[in-house]
Amino acid sequence: MTDIVLKDVDPILAERIRRVSQARGWPIHDTIFNLLEQGLFVCEAEVRGGFDDREVNVLAEAISALKDVPPGKGF
């Protein structure tokens, strides 16, 4: 499994995570993992906006390809 390091976490956010950890009785690692996973589900649902998997994949590929386009000279 890949390690992820969070730097400069806002103290208020860290406290909120700690409170969820205590309330659920989860170790802090499991708490962060669960919160990240649940947050991703919400974000993915918002991003999909009614698209099916094939459409989401095509859109993601198009966005990725646009990142490789050199910047223009502007208007």
N, C-alpha and C. Protein backbone atom coordinates (compact mmCIF):
# COMPACT_ATOMS: atom_id res chain seq x y z
N MET A 1 0.84 -1.17 0.00
CA MET A 1 0.00 0.00 0.00
C MET A 1 0.89 1.24 0.00
N THR A 2 0.47 2.26 -0.70
CA THR A 2 1.21 3.51 -0.80
C THR A 2 1.06 4.33 0.47
N ASP A 3 2.16 4.93 0.91
CA ASP A 3 2.12 5.84 2.04
C ASP A 3 1.80 7.24 1.55
N ILE A 4 0.99 7.95 2.29
CA ILE A 4 0.66 9.34 1.99
C ILE A 4 0.98 10.16 3.23
N VAL A 5 1.72 11.24 3.04
CA VAL A 5 2.09 12.10 4.15
C VAL A 5 1.38 13.44 3.98
N LEU A 6 0.70 13.88 5.03
CA LEU A 6 0.05 15.19 5.02
C LEU A 6 0.89 16.15 5.83
N LYS A 7 1.24 17.26 5.23
CA LYS A 7 2.03 18.27 5.93
C LYS A 7 1.17 19.50 6.17
N ASP A 8 1.51 20.22 7.20
CA ASP A 8 0.87 21.50 7.50
C ASP A 8 -0.66 21.38 7.63
N VAL A 9 -1.10 20.35 8.32
CA VAL A 9 -2.53 20.15 8.55
C VAL A 9 -3.03 21.21 9.53
N ASP A 10 -4.10 21.86 9.16
CA ASP A 10 -4.69 22.88 10.03
C ASP A 10 -5.05 22.25 11.38
N PRO A 11 -4.70 22.90 12.49
CA PRO A 11 -4.99 22.33 13.81
C PRO A 11 -6.47 22.04 14.04
N ILE A 12 -7.33 22.86 13.47
CA ILE A 12 -8.78 22.63 13.64
C ILE A 12 -9.19 21.36 12.91
N LEU A 13 -8.67 21.16 11.70
CA LEU A 13 -8.96 19.94 10.95
C LEU A 13 -8.44 18.72 11.70
N ALA A 14 -7.21 18.82 12.22
CA ALA A 14 -6.63 17.70 12.98
C ALA A 14 -7.48 17.37 14.20
N GLU A 15 -7.99 18.38 14.86
CA GLU A 15 -8.85 18.16 16.03
C GLU A 15 -10.16 17.49 15.63
N ARG A 16 -10.73 17.91 14.51
CA ARG A 16 -11.97 17.29 14.03
C ARG A 16 -11.75 15.81 13.73
N ILE A 17 -10.61 15.49 13.10
CA ILE A 17 -10.28 14.10 12.80
C ILE A 17 -10.11 13.31 14.09
N ARG A 18 -9.43 13.91 15.07
CA ARG A 18 -9.22 13.24 16.35
C ARG A 18 -10.55 12.95 17.04
N ARG A 19 -11.49 13.90 16.97
CA ARG A 19 -12.81 13.69 17.60
C ARG A 19 -13.58 12.56 16.93
N VAL A 20 -13.51 12.48 15.60
CA VAL A 20 -14.17 11.38 14.90
C VAL A 20 -13.53 10.06 15.32
N SER A 21 -12.21 10.05 15.42
CA SER A 21 -11.47 8.85 15.84
C SER A 21 -11.94 8.39 17.21
N GLN A 22 -12.04 9.32 18.13
CA GLN A 22 -12.49 8.97 19.49
C GLN A 22 -13.94 8.49 19.49
N ALA A 23 -14.80 9.21 18.77
CA ALA A 23 -16.22 8.87 18.75
C ALA A 23 -16.47 7.49 18.16
N ARG A 24 -15.70 7.13 17.14
CA ARG A 24 -15.87 5.83 16.47
C ARG A 24 -15.07 4.72 17.12
N GLY A 25 -14.09 5.11 17.95
CA GLY A 25 -13.23 4.10 18.56
C GLY A 25 -12.25 3.51 17.56
N TRP A 26 -11.92 4.29 16.53
CA TRP A 26 -11.00 3.84 15.49
C TRP A 26 -9.61 4.39 15.76
N PRO A 27 -8.58 3.64 15.38
CA PRO A 27 -7.23 4.22 15.39
C PRO A 27 -7.19 5.39 14.40
N ILE A 28 -6.31 6.35 14.64
CA ILE A 28 -6.25 7.54 13.79
C ILE A 28 -6.00 7.19 12.32
N HIS A 29 -5.17 6.17 12.06
CA HIS A 29 -4.91 5.74 10.68
C HIS A 29 -6.20 5.30 10.00
N ASP A 30 -6.99 4.46 10.69
CA ASP A 30 -8.25 3.98 10.12
C ASP A 30 -9.23 5.13 9.92
N THR A 31 -9.23 6.07 10.86
CA THR A 31 -10.13 7.22 10.77
C THR A 31 -9.82 8.04 9.52
N ILE A 32 -8.55 8.36 9.32
CA ILE A 32 -8.16 9.15 8.15
C ILE A 32 -8.47 8.38 6.87
N PHE A 33 -8.20 7.09 6.85
CA PHE A 33 -8.49 6.27 5.67
C PHE A 33 -9.99 6.30 5.35
N ASN A 34 -10.83 6.08 6.39
CA ASN A 34 -12.28 6.07 6.18
C ASN A 34 -12.80 7.43 5.73
N LEU A 35 -12.30 8.51 6.34
CA LEU A 35 -12.73 9.84 5.95
C LEU A 35 -12.32 10.15 4.51
N LEU A 36 -11.13 9.76 4.13
CA LEU A 36 -10.66 9.98 2.76
C LEU A 36 -11.52 9.20 1.77
N GLU A 37 -11.80 7.96 2.10
CA GLU A 37 -12.61 7.13 1.21
C GLU A 37 -14.03 7.68 1.06
N GLN A 38 -14.64 8.06 2.17
CA GLN A 38 -16.00 8.61 2.13
C GLN A 38 -16.03 9.94 1.36
N GLY A 39 -15.01 10.76 1.58
CA GLY A 39 -14.92 12.03 0.85
C GLY A 39 -14.77 11.81 -0.63
N LEU A 40 -14.01 10.80 -1.03
CA LEU A 40 -13.85 10.49 -2.44
C LEU A 40 -15.17 10.05 -3.07
N PHE A 41 -15.94 9.26 -2.34
CA PHE A 41 -17.24 8.83 -2.87
C PHE A 41 -18.11 10.05 -3.17
N VAL A 42 -18.12 11.01 -2.25
CA VAL A 42 -18.93 12.22 -2.43
C VAL A 42 -18.42 13.01 -3.64
N CYS A 43 -17.11 13.22 -3.70
CA CYS A 43 -16.54 14.00 -4.81
C CYS A 43 -16.74 13.30 -6.15
N GLU A 44 -16.58 11.99 -6.18
CA GLU A 44 -16.78 11.25 -7.43
C GLU A 44 -18.22 11.37 -7.90
N ALA A 45 -19.16 11.32 -6.96
CA ALA A 45 -20.57 11.44 -7.32
C ALA A 45 -20.84 12.82 -7.90
N GLU A 46 -20.22 13.85 -7.32
CA GLU A 46 -20.42 15.21 -7.84
C GLU A 46 -19.79 15.36 -9.22
N VAL A 47 -18.61 14.78 -9.41
CA VAL A 47 -17.91 14.89 -10.68
C VAL A 47 -18.66 14.14 -11.78
N ARG A 48 -19.18 12.98 -11.44
CA ARG A 48 -19.88 12.17 -12.45
C ARG A 48 -21.08 12.91 -13.00
N GLY A 49 -21.85 13.54 -12.16
CA GLY A 49 -22.99 14.33 -12.60
C GLY A 49 -23.87 13.63 -13.62
N GLY A 50 -24.06 12.33 -13.48
CA GLY A 50 -24.93 11.60 -14.39
C GLY A 50 -24.19 10.90 -15.52
N PHE A 51 -22.86 11.05 -15.60
CA PHE A 51 -22.10 10.37 -16.63
C PHE A 51 -21.93 8.90 -16.27
N ASP A 52 -21.84 8.04 -17.30
CA ASP A 52 -21.52 6.64 -17.02
C ASP A 52 -20.00 6.47 -17.00
N ASP A 53 -19.52 5.29 -16.63
CA ASP A 53 -18.08 5.05 -16.48
C ASP A 53 -17.29 5.36 -17.74
N ARG A 54 -17.81 4.96 -18.89
CA ARG A 54 -17.09 5.19 -20.14
C ARG A 54 -16.93 6.69 -20.40
N GLU A 55 -18.00 7.44 -20.15
CA GLU A 55 -17.94 8.89 -20.36
C GLU A 55 -16.98 9.55 -19.38
N VAL A 56 -16.97 9.09 -18.15
CA VAL A 56 -16.05 9.64 -17.15
C VAL A 56 -14.61 9.37 -17.56
N ASN A 57 -14.33 8.15 -18.04
CA ASN A 57 -12.98 7.80 -18.47
C ASN A 57 -12.53 8.65 -19.66
N VAL A 58 -13.42 8.86 -20.61
CA VAL A 58 -13.08 9.68 -21.78
C VAL A 58 -12.83 11.12 -21.35
N LEU A 59 -13.66 11.64 -20.48
CA LEU A 59 -13.48 13.00 -19.99
C LEU A 59 -12.16 13.15 -19.24
N ALA A 60 -11.84 12.17 -18.41
CA ALA A 60 -10.57 12.20 -17.66
C ALA A 60 -9.38 12.18 -18.61
N GLU A 61 -9.46 11.37 -19.67
CA GLU A 61 -8.38 11.31 -20.65
C GLU A 61 -8.24 12.64 -21.39
N ALA A 62 -9.36 13.26 -21.72
CA ALA A 62 -9.32 14.55 -22.41
C ALA A 62 -8.69 15.62 -21.53
N ILE A 63 -9.07 15.65 -20.27
CA ILE A 63 -8.50 16.62 -19.33
C ILE A 63 -7.01 16.38 -19.19
N SER A 64 -6.61 15.13 -19.09
CA SER A 64 -5.20 14.80 -18.98
C SER A 64 -4.43 15.25 -20.21
N ALA A 65 -5.00 15.06 -21.39
CA ALA A 65 -4.34 15.46 -22.64
C ALA A 65 -4.21 16.98 -22.71
N LEU A 66 -5.20 17.70 -22.20
CA LEU A 66 -5.14 19.17 -22.22
C LEU A 66 -4.01 19.70 -21.35
N LYS A 67 -3.64 18.95 -20.35
CA LYS A 67 -2.54 19.38 -19.48
C LYS A 67 -1.21 19.40 -20.22
N ASP A 68 -1.11 18.64 -21.30
CA ASP A 68 0.11 18.56 -22.09
C ASP A 68 0.19 19.62 -23.17
N VAL A 69 -0.90 20.36 -23.38
CA VAL A 69 -0.92 21.40 -24.41
C VAL A 69 -0.13 22.60 -23.88
N PRO A 70 0.84 23.10 -24.65
CA PRO A 70 1.62 24.24 -24.19
C PRO A 70 0.75 25.48 -24.06
N PRO A 71 1.07 26.35 -23.11
CA PRO A 71 0.27 27.56 -22.94
C PRO A 71 0.36 28.47 -24.17
N GLY A 72 -0.73 29.14 -24.44
CA GLY A 72 -0.75 30.07 -25.57
C GLY A 72 -0.14 31.41 -25.18
N LYS A 73 -0.17 32.33 -26.13
CA LYS A 73 0.39 33.68 -25.90
C LYS A 73 -0.64 34.60 -25.27
N GLY A 74 -1.83 34.11 -25.06
CA GLY A 74 -2.86 34.95 -24.46
C GLY A 74 -3.64 35.72 -25.50
N PHE A 75 -4.53 36.55 -25.02
CA PHE A 75 -5.37 37.33 -25.94
C PHE A 75 -5.03 38.78 -25.86
